[in-house]
N, C-alpha and C. Protein backbone atom coordinates (compact mmCIF):
# COMPACT_ATOMS: atom_id res chain seq x y z
N MET A 1 -13.90 -7.32 2.74
CA MET A 1 -13.59 -8.74 2.92
C MET A 1 -12.46 -8.89 3.95
N PRO A 2 -12.64 -9.75 4.98
CA PRO A 2 -11.59 -9.91 5.99
C PRO A 2 -10.35 -10.55 5.39
N PRO A 3 -9.17 -10.22 5.93
CA PRO A 3 -7.95 -10.81 5.40
C PRO A 3 -7.93 -12.31 5.65
N GLU A 4 -7.28 -13.03 4.73
CA GLU A 4 -7.17 -14.48 4.89
C GLU A 4 -6.26 -14.81 6.05
N SER A 5 -6.63 -15.87 6.76
CA SER A 5 -5.80 -16.32 7.88
C SER A 5 -4.50 -16.92 7.35
N PRO A 6 -3.39 -16.69 8.04
CA PRO A 6 -2.12 -17.30 7.61
C PRO A 6 -2.23 -18.82 7.57
N ILE A 7 -1.53 -19.43 6.63
CA ILE A 7 -1.55 -20.89 6.52
C ILE A 7 -0.55 -21.49 7.50
N ILE A 8 -1.03 -22.34 8.37
CA ILE A 8 -0.17 -23.09 9.29
C ILE A 8 -0.24 -24.56 8.88
N GLY A 9 0.90 -25.11 8.53
CA GLY A 9 0.96 -26.51 8.13
C GLY A 9 1.40 -27.40 9.27
N ALA A 10 1.66 -28.64 8.94
CA ALA A 10 2.13 -29.62 9.94
C ALA A 10 3.21 -30.48 9.34
N ILE A 11 4.25 -30.70 10.10
CA ILE A 11 5.34 -31.60 9.74
C ILE A 11 5.30 -32.77 10.71
N LEU A 12 5.22 -33.97 10.18
CA LEU A 12 5.14 -35.18 11.00
C LEU A 12 6.46 -35.93 10.88
N LEU A 13 7.22 -35.94 11.97
CA LEU A 13 8.54 -36.57 11.96
C LEU A 13 8.39 -38.07 12.17
N ALA A 14 8.79 -38.86 11.16
CA ALA A 14 8.60 -40.31 11.19
C ALA A 14 9.80 -41.04 10.61
N ALA A 15 11.00 -40.49 10.83
CA ALA A 15 12.19 -41.02 10.18
C ALA A 15 13.06 -41.89 11.07
N GLY A 16 12.80 -41.92 12.37
CA GLY A 16 13.70 -42.60 13.30
C GLY A 16 13.76 -44.11 13.09
N ALA A 17 14.84 -44.71 13.59
CA ALA A 17 15.06 -46.14 13.42
C ALA A 17 14.39 -46.98 14.48
N SER A 18 13.83 -46.37 15.53
CA SER A 18 13.08 -47.09 16.56
C SER A 18 13.94 -48.15 17.27
N ARG A 19 15.17 -47.80 17.56
CA ARG A 19 16.10 -48.79 18.14
C ARG A 19 15.68 -49.26 19.52
N ARG A 20 15.08 -48.40 20.31
CA ARG A 20 14.70 -48.76 21.68
C ARG A 20 13.51 -49.71 21.74
N MET A 21 12.83 -49.90 20.61
CA MET A 21 11.66 -50.76 20.59
C MET A 21 12.03 -52.23 20.36
N GLY A 22 13.27 -52.51 20.00
CA GLY A 22 13.67 -53.89 19.75
C GLY A 22 13.44 -54.27 18.29
N ASP A 23 12.85 -55.44 18.08
CA ASP A 23 12.69 -55.96 16.71
C ASP A 23 11.57 -55.27 15.94
N GLN A 24 10.64 -54.67 16.62
CA GLN A 24 9.49 -54.05 15.98
C GLN A 24 9.69 -52.55 15.80
N HIS A 25 9.38 -52.04 14.60
CA HIS A 25 9.42 -50.59 14.41
C HIS A 25 8.18 -50.00 15.08
N LYS A 26 8.41 -49.05 15.97
CA LYS A 26 7.30 -48.55 16.81
C LYS A 26 6.17 -47.93 16.00
N LEU A 27 6.49 -47.26 14.90
CA LEU A 27 5.44 -46.57 14.16
C LEU A 27 4.52 -47.53 13.43
N LEU A 28 4.95 -48.79 13.29
CA LEU A 28 4.13 -49.81 12.64
C LEU A 28 3.31 -50.60 13.65
N ALA A 29 3.56 -50.38 14.94
CA ALA A 29 2.87 -51.13 15.98
C ALA A 29 1.39 -50.77 16.00
N ASP A 30 0.57 -51.76 16.25
CA ASP A 30 -0.88 -51.56 16.27
C ASP A 30 -1.33 -50.99 17.61
N TRP A 31 -2.25 -50.04 17.51
CA TRP A 31 -2.95 -49.53 18.69
C TRP A 31 -4.37 -49.18 18.25
N ASN A 32 -5.33 -49.78 18.90
CA ASN A 32 -6.73 -49.55 18.55
C ASN A 32 -7.01 -49.78 17.07
N GLY A 33 -6.36 -50.81 16.53
CA GLY A 33 -6.67 -51.22 15.17
C GLY A 33 -5.93 -50.51 14.06
N ARG A 34 -5.02 -49.59 14.41
CA ARG A 34 -4.27 -48.85 13.38
C ARG A 34 -2.83 -48.68 13.84
N PRO A 35 -1.89 -48.55 12.89
CA PRO A 35 -0.51 -48.27 13.28
C PRO A 35 -0.40 -46.92 13.99
N LEU A 36 0.59 -46.80 14.85
CA LEU A 36 0.75 -45.56 15.61
C LEU A 36 0.81 -44.33 14.70
N ILE A 37 1.56 -44.44 13.60
CA ILE A 37 1.72 -43.26 12.74
C ILE A 37 0.39 -42.84 12.13
N ALA A 38 -0.50 -43.79 11.86
CA ALA A 38 -1.79 -43.44 11.28
C ALA A 38 -2.62 -42.60 12.25
N HIS A 39 -2.52 -42.89 13.54
CA HIS A 39 -3.23 -42.08 14.53
C HIS A 39 -2.70 -40.64 14.53
N ALA A 40 -1.38 -40.50 14.46
CA ALA A 40 -0.77 -39.16 14.48
C ALA A 40 -1.18 -38.36 13.26
N ALA A 41 -1.19 -39.00 12.10
CA ALA A 41 -1.57 -38.30 10.87
C ALA A 41 -3.06 -37.95 10.88
N ALA A 42 -3.89 -38.86 11.38
CA ALA A 42 -5.32 -38.61 11.42
C ALA A 42 -5.66 -37.42 12.32
N ALA A 43 -4.91 -37.25 13.39
CA ALA A 43 -5.15 -36.12 14.29
C ALA A 43 -4.89 -34.79 13.58
N ILE A 44 -3.87 -34.77 12.75
CA ILE A 44 -3.57 -33.54 11.99
C ILE A 44 -4.70 -33.22 11.03
N THR A 45 -5.18 -34.24 10.32
CA THR A 45 -6.29 -34.05 9.39
C THR A 45 -7.53 -33.57 10.12
N ALA A 46 -7.84 -34.21 11.26
CA ALA A 46 -9.03 -33.83 12.03
C ALA A 46 -8.92 -32.43 12.60
N ALA A 47 -7.70 -31.94 12.78
CA ALA A 47 -7.50 -30.59 13.30
C ALA A 47 -7.78 -29.53 12.25
N GLY A 48 -7.95 -29.93 11.00
CA GLY A 48 -8.27 -28.99 9.95
C GLY A 48 -7.07 -28.37 9.27
N LEU A 49 -5.88 -28.91 9.52
CA LEU A 49 -4.68 -28.40 8.88
C LEU A 49 -4.54 -29.00 7.48
N PRO A 50 -3.70 -28.41 6.63
CA PRO A 50 -3.44 -29.02 5.33
C PRO A 50 -2.84 -30.42 5.51
N PRO A 51 -2.87 -31.26 4.46
CA PRO A 51 -2.24 -32.58 4.57
C PRO A 51 -0.81 -32.44 5.08
N PRO A 52 -0.43 -33.27 6.06
CA PRO A 52 0.89 -33.11 6.67
C PRO A 52 2.03 -33.44 5.71
N LEU A 53 3.17 -32.85 6.00
CA LEU A 53 4.42 -33.19 5.33
C LEU A 53 5.11 -34.23 6.21
N VAL A 54 5.15 -35.47 5.76
CA VAL A 54 5.67 -36.57 6.56
C VAL A 54 7.13 -36.82 6.18
N VAL A 55 8.00 -36.78 7.18
CA VAL A 55 9.43 -37.00 6.96
C VAL A 55 9.73 -38.47 7.21
N LEU A 56 10.18 -39.17 6.19
CA LEU A 56 10.50 -40.58 6.25
C LEU A 56 12.00 -40.79 6.34
N GLY A 57 12.38 -41.99 6.79
CA GLY A 57 13.80 -42.34 6.88
C GLY A 57 13.94 -43.84 6.99
N ALA A 58 14.11 -44.35 8.20
CA ALA A 58 14.21 -45.78 8.42
C ALA A 58 12.88 -46.45 8.05
N CYS A 59 12.98 -47.61 7.37
CA CYS A 59 11.78 -48.37 6.96
C CYS A 59 10.79 -47.47 6.23
N ALA A 60 11.29 -46.63 5.34
CA ALA A 60 10.46 -45.61 4.71
C ALA A 60 9.24 -46.19 4.00
N ALA A 61 9.44 -47.25 3.23
CA ALA A 61 8.33 -47.81 2.46
C ALA A 61 7.24 -48.36 3.38
N GLN A 62 7.65 -49.05 4.44
CA GLN A 62 6.67 -49.62 5.37
C GLN A 62 5.93 -48.54 6.14
N VAL A 63 6.66 -47.51 6.58
CA VAL A 63 6.03 -46.43 7.34
C VAL A 63 5.04 -45.68 6.45
N ARG A 64 5.44 -45.44 5.22
CA ARG A 64 4.53 -44.76 4.29
C ARG A 64 3.27 -45.60 4.05
N ALA A 65 3.45 -46.89 3.86
CA ALA A 65 2.31 -47.78 3.63
C ALA A 65 1.39 -47.83 4.84
N ALA A 66 1.96 -47.68 6.04
CA ALA A 66 1.17 -47.76 7.27
C ALA A 66 0.18 -46.61 7.40
N LEU A 67 0.37 -45.55 6.62
CA LEU A 67 -0.56 -44.43 6.67
C LEU A 67 -1.88 -44.74 5.96
N GLY A 68 -1.88 -45.82 5.18
CA GLY A 68 -3.12 -46.22 4.53
C GLY A 68 -3.67 -45.13 3.63
N ASP A 69 -4.92 -44.74 3.87
CA ASP A 69 -5.59 -43.76 3.02
C ASP A 69 -5.40 -42.32 3.48
N GLU A 70 -4.61 -42.11 4.53
CA GLU A 70 -4.38 -40.74 5.00
C GLU A 70 -3.67 -39.92 3.92
N THR A 71 -4.20 -38.75 3.63
CA THR A 71 -3.58 -37.87 2.63
C THR A 71 -2.38 -37.17 3.24
N ALA A 72 -1.24 -37.23 2.55
CA ALA A 72 -0.02 -36.64 3.07
C ALA A 72 0.95 -36.39 1.92
N HIS A 73 1.92 -35.53 2.18
CA HIS A 73 3.05 -35.34 1.28
C HIS A 73 4.29 -35.90 1.98
N PHE A 74 5.28 -36.31 1.20
CA PHE A 74 6.40 -37.03 1.79
C PHE A 74 7.74 -36.44 1.36
N VAL A 75 8.68 -36.51 2.30
CA VAL A 75 10.07 -36.17 2.01
C VAL A 75 10.93 -37.18 2.78
N VAL A 76 12.05 -37.57 2.21
CA VAL A 76 12.93 -38.53 2.85
C VAL A 76 14.16 -37.80 3.40
N ALA A 77 14.43 -38.01 4.68
CA ALA A 77 15.65 -37.48 5.30
C ALA A 77 16.75 -38.53 5.13
N VAL A 78 17.58 -38.36 4.14
CA VAL A 78 18.58 -39.39 3.83
C VAL A 78 19.61 -39.52 4.94
N ASP A 79 19.79 -38.48 5.74
CA ASP A 79 20.77 -38.50 6.82
C ASP A 79 20.09 -38.61 8.18
N HIS A 80 18.93 -39.23 8.22
CA HIS A 80 18.15 -39.29 9.46
C HIS A 80 18.91 -39.97 10.60
N ALA A 81 19.84 -40.85 10.29
CA ALA A 81 20.59 -41.56 11.33
C ALA A 81 21.48 -40.62 12.15
N GLU A 82 21.70 -39.41 11.67
CA GLU A 82 22.55 -38.45 12.37
C GLU A 82 21.79 -37.67 13.44
N GLY A 83 20.50 -37.97 13.63
CA GLY A 83 19.75 -37.33 14.70
C GLY A 83 18.45 -36.72 14.22
N MET A 84 17.56 -36.46 15.18
CA MET A 84 16.26 -35.89 14.86
C MET A 84 16.38 -34.55 14.14
N SER A 85 17.46 -33.82 14.42
CA SER A 85 17.63 -32.51 13.79
C SER A 85 17.66 -32.63 12.27
N ARG A 86 18.21 -33.72 11.75
CA ARG A 86 18.28 -33.88 10.29
C ARG A 86 16.89 -34.15 9.70
N SER A 87 16.05 -34.87 10.43
CA SER A 87 14.68 -35.08 9.98
C SER A 87 13.91 -33.76 10.00
N LEU A 88 14.09 -32.99 11.07
CA LEU A 88 13.44 -31.70 11.16
C LEU A 88 13.91 -30.78 10.04
N ARG A 89 15.19 -30.79 9.76
CA ARG A 89 15.73 -29.97 8.68
C ARG A 89 15.11 -30.33 7.34
N ALA A 90 14.98 -31.62 7.07
CA ALA A 90 14.39 -32.06 5.81
C ALA A 90 12.94 -31.60 5.68
N GLY A 91 12.20 -31.70 6.78
CA GLY A 91 10.82 -31.26 6.75
C GLY A 91 10.67 -29.77 6.54
N LEU A 92 11.44 -29.00 7.26
CA LEU A 92 11.37 -27.54 7.12
C LEU A 92 11.81 -27.07 5.74
N ALA A 93 12.82 -27.73 5.19
CA ALA A 93 13.30 -27.36 3.85
C ALA A 93 12.23 -27.61 2.79
N ALA A 94 11.37 -28.59 3.05
CA ALA A 94 10.33 -28.94 2.08
C ALA A 94 9.02 -28.21 2.32
N ALA A 95 8.93 -27.43 3.38
CA ALA A 95 7.68 -26.73 3.70
C ALA A 95 7.32 -25.74 2.60
N PRO A 96 6.08 -25.73 2.16
CA PRO A 96 5.66 -24.78 1.12
C PRO A 96 5.95 -23.33 1.50
N ALA A 97 6.25 -22.53 0.52
CA ALA A 97 6.64 -21.14 0.77
C ALA A 97 5.52 -20.31 1.37
N ASP A 98 4.27 -20.73 1.19
CA ASP A 98 3.16 -19.94 1.72
C ASP A 98 2.78 -20.31 3.14
N TRP A 99 3.48 -21.27 3.75
CA TRP A 99 3.23 -21.57 5.15
C TRP A 99 3.81 -20.47 6.03
N ALA A 100 3.00 -19.90 6.90
CA ALA A 100 3.48 -18.91 7.87
C ALA A 100 4.10 -19.57 9.08
N GLY A 101 3.90 -20.87 9.22
CA GLY A 101 4.44 -21.62 10.33
C GLY A 101 4.06 -23.07 10.20
N ALA A 102 4.55 -23.88 11.13
CA ALA A 102 4.27 -25.31 11.07
C ALA A 102 4.19 -25.88 12.49
N VAL A 103 3.23 -26.75 12.70
CA VAL A 103 3.17 -27.52 13.93
C VAL A 103 3.99 -28.79 13.70
N VAL A 104 5.07 -28.94 14.45
CA VAL A 104 5.95 -30.09 14.28
C VAL A 104 5.49 -31.20 15.22
N CYS A 105 4.99 -32.27 14.63
CA CYS A 105 4.41 -33.39 15.37
C CYS A 105 5.36 -34.59 15.33
N LEU A 106 5.29 -35.40 16.36
CA LEU A 106 6.10 -36.60 16.45
C LEU A 106 5.20 -37.81 16.22
N ALA A 107 5.62 -38.68 15.31
CA ALA A 107 4.76 -39.79 14.91
C ALA A 107 4.61 -40.85 15.99
N ASP A 108 5.44 -40.79 17.02
CA ASP A 108 5.31 -41.77 18.11
C ASP A 108 4.49 -41.22 19.28
N MET A 109 3.67 -40.21 19.01
CA MET A 109 2.77 -39.64 20.01
C MET A 109 1.33 -39.77 19.51
N PRO A 110 0.76 -40.97 19.55
CA PRO A 110 -0.54 -41.22 18.91
C PRO A 110 -1.74 -40.70 19.67
N ARG A 111 -1.56 -40.24 20.91
CA ARG A 111 -2.70 -39.80 21.71
C ARG A 111 -2.91 -38.28 21.69
N VAL A 112 -2.09 -37.56 20.98
CA VAL A 112 -2.31 -36.11 20.89
C VAL A 112 -3.65 -35.85 20.21
N GLN A 113 -4.45 -35.00 20.81
CA GLN A 113 -5.81 -34.76 20.32
C GLN A 113 -5.82 -33.73 19.18
N PRO A 114 -6.73 -33.89 18.23
CA PRO A 114 -6.86 -32.89 17.16
C PRO A 114 -7.08 -31.48 17.70
N GLN A 115 -7.82 -31.37 18.81
CA GLN A 115 -8.09 -30.04 19.38
C GLN A 115 -6.80 -29.35 19.80
N THR A 116 -5.84 -30.13 20.27
CA THR A 116 -4.56 -29.55 20.68
C THR A 116 -3.82 -29.00 19.48
N ILE A 117 -3.77 -29.77 18.41
CA ILE A 117 -3.08 -29.33 17.19
C ILE A 117 -3.77 -28.09 16.63
N ALA A 118 -5.09 -28.10 16.61
CA ALA A 118 -5.84 -26.94 16.11
C ALA A 118 -5.58 -25.70 16.96
N ALA A 119 -5.51 -25.88 18.28
CA ALA A 119 -5.27 -24.74 19.17
C ALA A 119 -3.87 -24.16 18.94
N LEU A 120 -2.88 -25.02 18.74
CA LEU A 120 -1.53 -24.54 18.47
C LEU A 120 -1.47 -23.78 17.15
N ALA A 121 -2.12 -24.32 16.12
CA ALA A 121 -2.13 -23.64 14.83
C ALA A 121 -2.83 -22.29 14.91
N SER A 122 -3.94 -22.24 15.65
CA SER A 122 -4.67 -20.98 15.81
C SER A 122 -3.84 -19.95 16.55
N ALA A 123 -3.17 -20.38 17.62
CA ALA A 123 -2.33 -19.45 18.39
C ALA A 123 -1.20 -18.91 17.54
N LEU A 124 -0.63 -19.78 16.73
CA LEU A 124 0.49 -19.37 15.88
C LEU A 124 0.02 -18.39 14.81
N ALA A 125 -1.13 -18.67 14.22
CA ALA A 125 -1.66 -17.78 13.19
C ALA A 125 -1.95 -16.39 13.75
N LYS A 126 -2.44 -16.33 14.99
CA LYS A 126 -2.76 -15.05 15.60
C LYS A 126 -1.51 -14.28 16.04
N ALA A 127 -0.51 -15.01 16.53
CA ALA A 127 0.67 -14.36 17.10
C ALA A 127 1.70 -13.95 16.06
N GLY A 128 1.69 -14.58 14.90
CA GLY A 128 2.59 -14.17 13.84
C GLY A 128 3.80 -15.07 13.66
N GLU A 129 4.57 -14.79 12.61
CA GLU A 129 5.66 -15.68 12.20
C GLU A 129 6.84 -15.70 13.16
N ALA A 130 6.90 -14.78 14.10
CA ALA A 130 7.99 -14.78 15.07
C ALA A 130 7.64 -15.56 16.34
N ALA A 131 6.44 -16.12 16.39
CA ALA A 131 5.96 -16.78 17.60
C ALA A 131 6.29 -18.27 17.61
N ILE A 132 6.23 -18.84 18.81
CA ILE A 132 6.33 -20.28 19.01
C ILE A 132 5.17 -20.65 19.94
N ALA A 133 4.35 -21.61 19.53
CA ALA A 133 3.20 -22.03 20.33
C ALA A 133 3.48 -23.37 20.98
N VAL A 134 3.39 -23.41 22.31
CA VAL A 134 3.76 -24.60 23.07
C VAL A 134 2.56 -25.06 23.90
N PRO A 135 2.20 -26.35 23.83
CA PRO A 135 1.09 -26.83 24.65
C PRO A 135 1.53 -27.04 26.10
N VAL A 136 0.65 -26.71 27.03
CA VAL A 136 0.96 -26.84 28.45
C VAL A 136 -0.24 -27.49 29.15
N MET A 137 0.05 -28.52 29.94
CA MET A 137 -0.97 -29.13 30.78
C MET A 137 -0.41 -29.35 32.17
N ASN A 138 -1.16 -28.92 33.16
CA ASN A 138 -0.73 -29.02 34.56
C ASN A 138 0.65 -28.41 34.78
N GLY A 139 0.90 -27.30 34.08
CA GLY A 139 2.14 -26.57 34.27
C GLY A 139 3.34 -27.14 33.55
N THR A 140 3.15 -28.20 32.77
CA THR A 140 4.28 -28.85 32.10
C THR A 140 4.11 -28.77 30.59
N ARG A 141 5.17 -28.33 29.92
CA ARG A 141 5.14 -28.26 28.46
C ARG A 141 5.21 -29.65 27.83
N GLY A 142 4.73 -29.75 26.60
CA GLY A 142 4.80 -31.01 25.88
C GLY A 142 4.96 -30.78 24.40
N ASN A 143 4.62 -31.78 23.62
CA ASN A 143 4.66 -31.74 22.16
C ASN A 143 3.28 -32.08 21.61
N PRO A 144 2.96 -31.62 20.40
CA PRO A 144 3.81 -30.94 19.42
C PRO A 144 3.99 -29.45 19.73
N VAL A 145 4.86 -28.82 18.97
CA VAL A 145 5.14 -27.40 19.12
C VAL A 145 4.92 -26.71 17.77
N GLY A 146 4.29 -25.54 17.83
CA GLY A 146 4.08 -24.76 16.62
C GLY A 146 5.17 -23.71 16.46
N TRP A 147 5.78 -23.69 15.29
CA TRP A 147 6.91 -22.78 15.03
C TRP A 147 6.55 -21.79 13.93
N GLY A 148 6.67 -20.50 14.23
CA GLY A 148 6.53 -19.49 13.20
C GLY A 148 7.69 -19.56 12.22
N ARG A 149 7.44 -19.13 11.01
CA ARG A 149 8.44 -19.29 9.95
C ARG A 149 9.75 -18.56 10.26
N ALA A 150 9.70 -17.53 11.07
CA ALA A 150 10.92 -16.79 11.41
C ALA A 150 11.95 -17.66 12.11
N HIS A 151 11.51 -18.79 12.68
CA HIS A 151 12.42 -19.66 13.41
C HIS A 151 12.94 -20.84 12.57
N PHE A 152 12.48 -20.96 11.34
CA PHE A 152 12.86 -22.11 10.53
C PHE A 152 14.37 -22.19 10.33
N SER A 153 15.00 -21.06 10.04
CA SER A 153 16.44 -21.10 9.75
C SER A 153 17.24 -21.52 10.99
N ALA A 154 16.84 -21.05 12.16
CA ALA A 154 17.53 -21.45 13.39
C ALA A 154 17.33 -22.94 13.67
N LEU A 155 16.14 -23.45 13.42
CA LEU A 155 15.88 -24.87 13.62
C LEU A 155 16.70 -25.72 12.65
N MET A 156 16.86 -25.24 11.44
CA MET A 156 17.60 -26.00 10.44
C MET A 156 19.10 -26.01 10.71
N ALA A 157 19.55 -25.14 11.59
CA ALA A 157 20.98 -25.09 11.92
C ALA A 157 21.35 -26.01 13.08
N ILE A 158 20.35 -26.67 13.68
CA ILE A 158 20.60 -27.53 14.83
C ILE A 158 21.20 -28.85 14.39
N ASP A 159 22.05 -29.43 15.24
CA ASP A 159 22.59 -30.77 15.00
C ASP A 159 22.16 -31.70 16.12
N GLY A 160 22.24 -33.01 15.85
CA GLY A 160 22.01 -34.01 16.90
C GLY A 160 20.54 -34.28 17.15
N ASP A 161 20.24 -34.72 18.38
CA ASP A 161 18.90 -35.16 18.75
C ASP A 161 18.17 -34.18 19.65
N GLY A 162 18.67 -32.97 19.77
CA GLY A 162 18.08 -32.02 20.71
C GLY A 162 16.76 -31.44 20.28
N GLY A 163 16.37 -31.65 19.01
CA GLY A 163 15.14 -31.03 18.53
C GLY A 163 15.25 -29.51 18.61
N GLY A 164 14.14 -28.86 18.93
CA GLY A 164 14.14 -27.41 18.97
C GLY A 164 14.32 -26.81 20.34
N ARG A 165 14.76 -27.61 21.32
CA ARG A 165 14.83 -27.11 22.70
C ARG A 165 15.76 -25.91 22.84
N ALA A 166 16.89 -25.92 22.15
CA ALA A 166 17.83 -24.81 22.26
C ALA A 166 17.21 -23.51 21.72
N VAL A 167 16.52 -23.61 20.62
CA VAL A 167 15.86 -22.43 20.04
C VAL A 167 14.75 -21.96 20.98
N LEU A 168 14.02 -22.89 21.55
CA LEU A 168 12.93 -22.55 22.46
C LEU A 168 13.44 -21.82 23.70
N ARG A 169 14.57 -22.29 24.23
CA ARG A 169 15.14 -21.64 25.43
C ARG A 169 15.51 -20.19 25.18
N GLN A 170 15.89 -19.86 23.97
CA GLN A 170 16.36 -18.51 23.65
C GLN A 170 15.24 -17.60 23.15
N ALA A 171 14.02 -18.15 23.04
CA ALA A 171 12.94 -17.40 22.38
C ALA A 171 12.29 -16.36 23.28
N GLY A 172 12.40 -16.52 24.60
CA GLY A 172 11.87 -15.50 25.51
C GLY A 172 10.39 -15.27 25.33
N ASP A 173 9.99 -13.99 25.17
CA ASP A 173 8.57 -13.65 25.11
C ASP A 173 7.93 -13.97 23.77
N GLN A 174 8.68 -14.59 22.88
CA GLN A 174 8.08 -15.06 21.62
C GLN A 174 7.28 -16.35 21.83
N VAL A 175 7.47 -17.00 22.98
CA VAL A 175 6.79 -18.26 23.26
C VAL A 175 5.38 -17.99 23.78
N VAL A 176 4.40 -18.59 23.14
CA VAL A 176 3.00 -18.49 23.53
C VAL A 176 2.60 -19.82 24.16
N SER A 177 2.22 -19.82 25.43
CA SER A 177 1.76 -21.03 26.09
C SER A 177 0.29 -21.27 25.78
N VAL A 178 -0.02 -22.47 25.33
CA VAL A 178 -1.40 -22.82 24.98
C VAL A 178 -1.88 -23.88 25.97
N ALA A 179 -2.80 -23.52 26.84
CA ALA A 179 -3.31 -24.45 27.85
C ALA A 179 -4.21 -25.49 27.18
N VAL A 180 -3.94 -26.75 27.45
CA VAL A 180 -4.73 -27.84 26.87
C VAL A 180 -5.10 -28.85 27.95
N LEU A 181 -6.14 -29.63 27.68
CA LEU A 181 -6.52 -30.76 28.51
C LEU A 181 -6.25 -32.02 27.69
N ASP A 182 -4.99 -32.40 27.61
CA ASP A 182 -4.57 -33.47 26.69
C ASP A 182 -3.33 -34.14 27.25
N THR A 183 -3.52 -35.27 27.92
CA THR A 183 -2.36 -35.98 28.47
C THR A 183 -1.47 -36.55 27.37
N GLY A 184 -1.98 -36.60 26.14
CA GLY A 184 -1.20 -37.11 25.03
C GLY A 184 0.02 -36.28 24.70
N ILE A 185 0.08 -35.03 25.16
CA ILE A 185 1.24 -34.19 24.84
C ILE A 185 2.48 -34.61 25.61
N HIS A 186 2.29 -35.47 26.61
CA HIS A 186 3.42 -35.95 27.42
C HIS A 186 3.70 -37.44 27.21
N ASP A 187 3.07 -38.04 26.21
CA ASP A 187 3.01 -39.50 26.12
C ASP A 187 3.58 -39.99 24.79
N ASP A 188 4.91 -40.18 24.72
CA ASP A 188 5.50 -40.74 23.51
C ASP A 188 5.80 -42.22 23.73
N ILE A 189 5.85 -42.96 22.63
CA ILE A 189 6.00 -44.41 22.68
C ILE A 189 7.38 -44.77 22.12
N ASP A 190 8.31 -45.10 23.02
CA ASP A 190 9.69 -45.38 22.62
C ASP A 190 10.15 -46.80 22.91
N THR A 191 9.47 -47.48 23.82
CA THR A 191 9.94 -48.77 24.30
C THR A 191 8.79 -49.78 24.30
N PRO A 192 9.11 -51.09 24.36
CA PRO A 192 8.03 -52.08 24.48
C PRO A 192 7.17 -51.83 25.72
N GLU A 193 7.78 -51.35 26.79
CA GLU A 193 7.02 -51.08 28.02
C GLU A 193 6.01 -49.95 27.82
N SER A 194 6.43 -48.89 27.16
CA SER A 194 5.50 -47.78 26.95
C SER A 194 4.37 -48.18 26.00
N LEU A 195 4.67 -49.04 25.02
CA LEU A 195 3.63 -49.54 24.12
C LEU A 195 2.65 -50.43 24.88
N ALA A 196 3.17 -51.29 25.74
CA ALA A 196 2.31 -52.16 26.54
C ALA A 196 1.38 -51.34 27.44
N LEU A 197 1.91 -50.27 28.03
CA LEU A 197 1.09 -49.42 28.89
C LEU A 197 0.00 -48.72 28.08
N LEU A 198 0.36 -48.27 26.88
CA LEU A 198 -0.62 -47.63 26.00
C LEU A 198 -1.77 -48.59 25.70
N ARG A 199 -1.44 -49.82 25.38
CA ARG A 199 -2.47 -50.81 25.08
C ARG A 199 -3.29 -51.16 26.31
N LEU A 200 -2.66 -51.21 27.46
CA LEU A 200 -3.38 -51.51 28.70
C LEU A 200 -4.39 -50.42 29.00
N ARG A 201 -3.99 -49.18 28.83
CA ARG A 201 -4.92 -48.07 29.04
C ARG A 201 -6.14 -48.20 28.15
N ALA A 202 -5.90 -48.53 26.88
CA ALA A 202 -7.01 -48.65 25.93
C ALA A 202 -7.93 -49.80 26.34
N LYS A 203 -7.35 -50.92 26.76
CA LYS A 203 -8.15 -52.07 27.18
C LYS A 203 -8.98 -51.72 28.42
N THR A 204 -8.37 -51.04 29.36
CA THR A 204 -9.08 -50.64 30.57
C THR A 204 -10.22 -49.69 30.26
N ALA A 205 -9.97 -48.77 29.34
CA ALA A 205 -11.02 -47.80 28.95
C ALA A 205 -12.19 -48.52 28.32
N ARG A 206 -11.91 -49.51 27.47
CA ARG A 206 -13.01 -50.25 26.83
C ARG A 206 -13.82 -51.02 27.85
N GLU A 207 -13.15 -51.59 28.82
CA GLU A 207 -13.83 -52.41 29.82
C GLU A 207 -14.68 -51.59 30.78
N THR A 208 -14.34 -50.31 30.93
CA THR A 208 -15.09 -49.46 31.87
C THR A 208 -16.16 -48.63 31.18
N ASP A 209 -16.21 -48.70 29.84
CA ASP A 209 -17.25 -47.95 29.11
C ASP A 209 -18.65 -48.51 29.41
């Protein structure tokens, strides 16, 4: 009997206050008939990963409700206002012990394709717990990023809003580049302008179908 493949989970960071969006919380904004966060969670499910671990913070009840019927587990980052690192820390601390790694997804990136998430998880499972899987398109890295469990402690030691960039810079040959055809890895929604552009793209695509 072949050995079982390592379990790679997903952490969906959804705790931010969305200050740059103005009066509307970005994760609750509609795109193609669903809130942005629902698209991000659905991509994880479609990729074949276990139900994501969703990190909540600002507007926690509304963000959780916006997931609708999507299956997920939840943790609240009570100190989320101190930076993305605190949300990441809460998610990693809650990761099941049998996860060999996790693809860390951002809930304001609704266009990331399930195939990208699946490819990152596959690369991480093959490369082992010391690896980091990074999506690359046209020579440019993007998000989400897959982290082997060996890096969890270093990620949990980070402060502020830097995310995992410092750990990534020091990882050297542990980084596995995963080539993808997915412009969504470079497309986060932080401002009313970026949301308007996202909707315009969708409208244009419908009109040209």
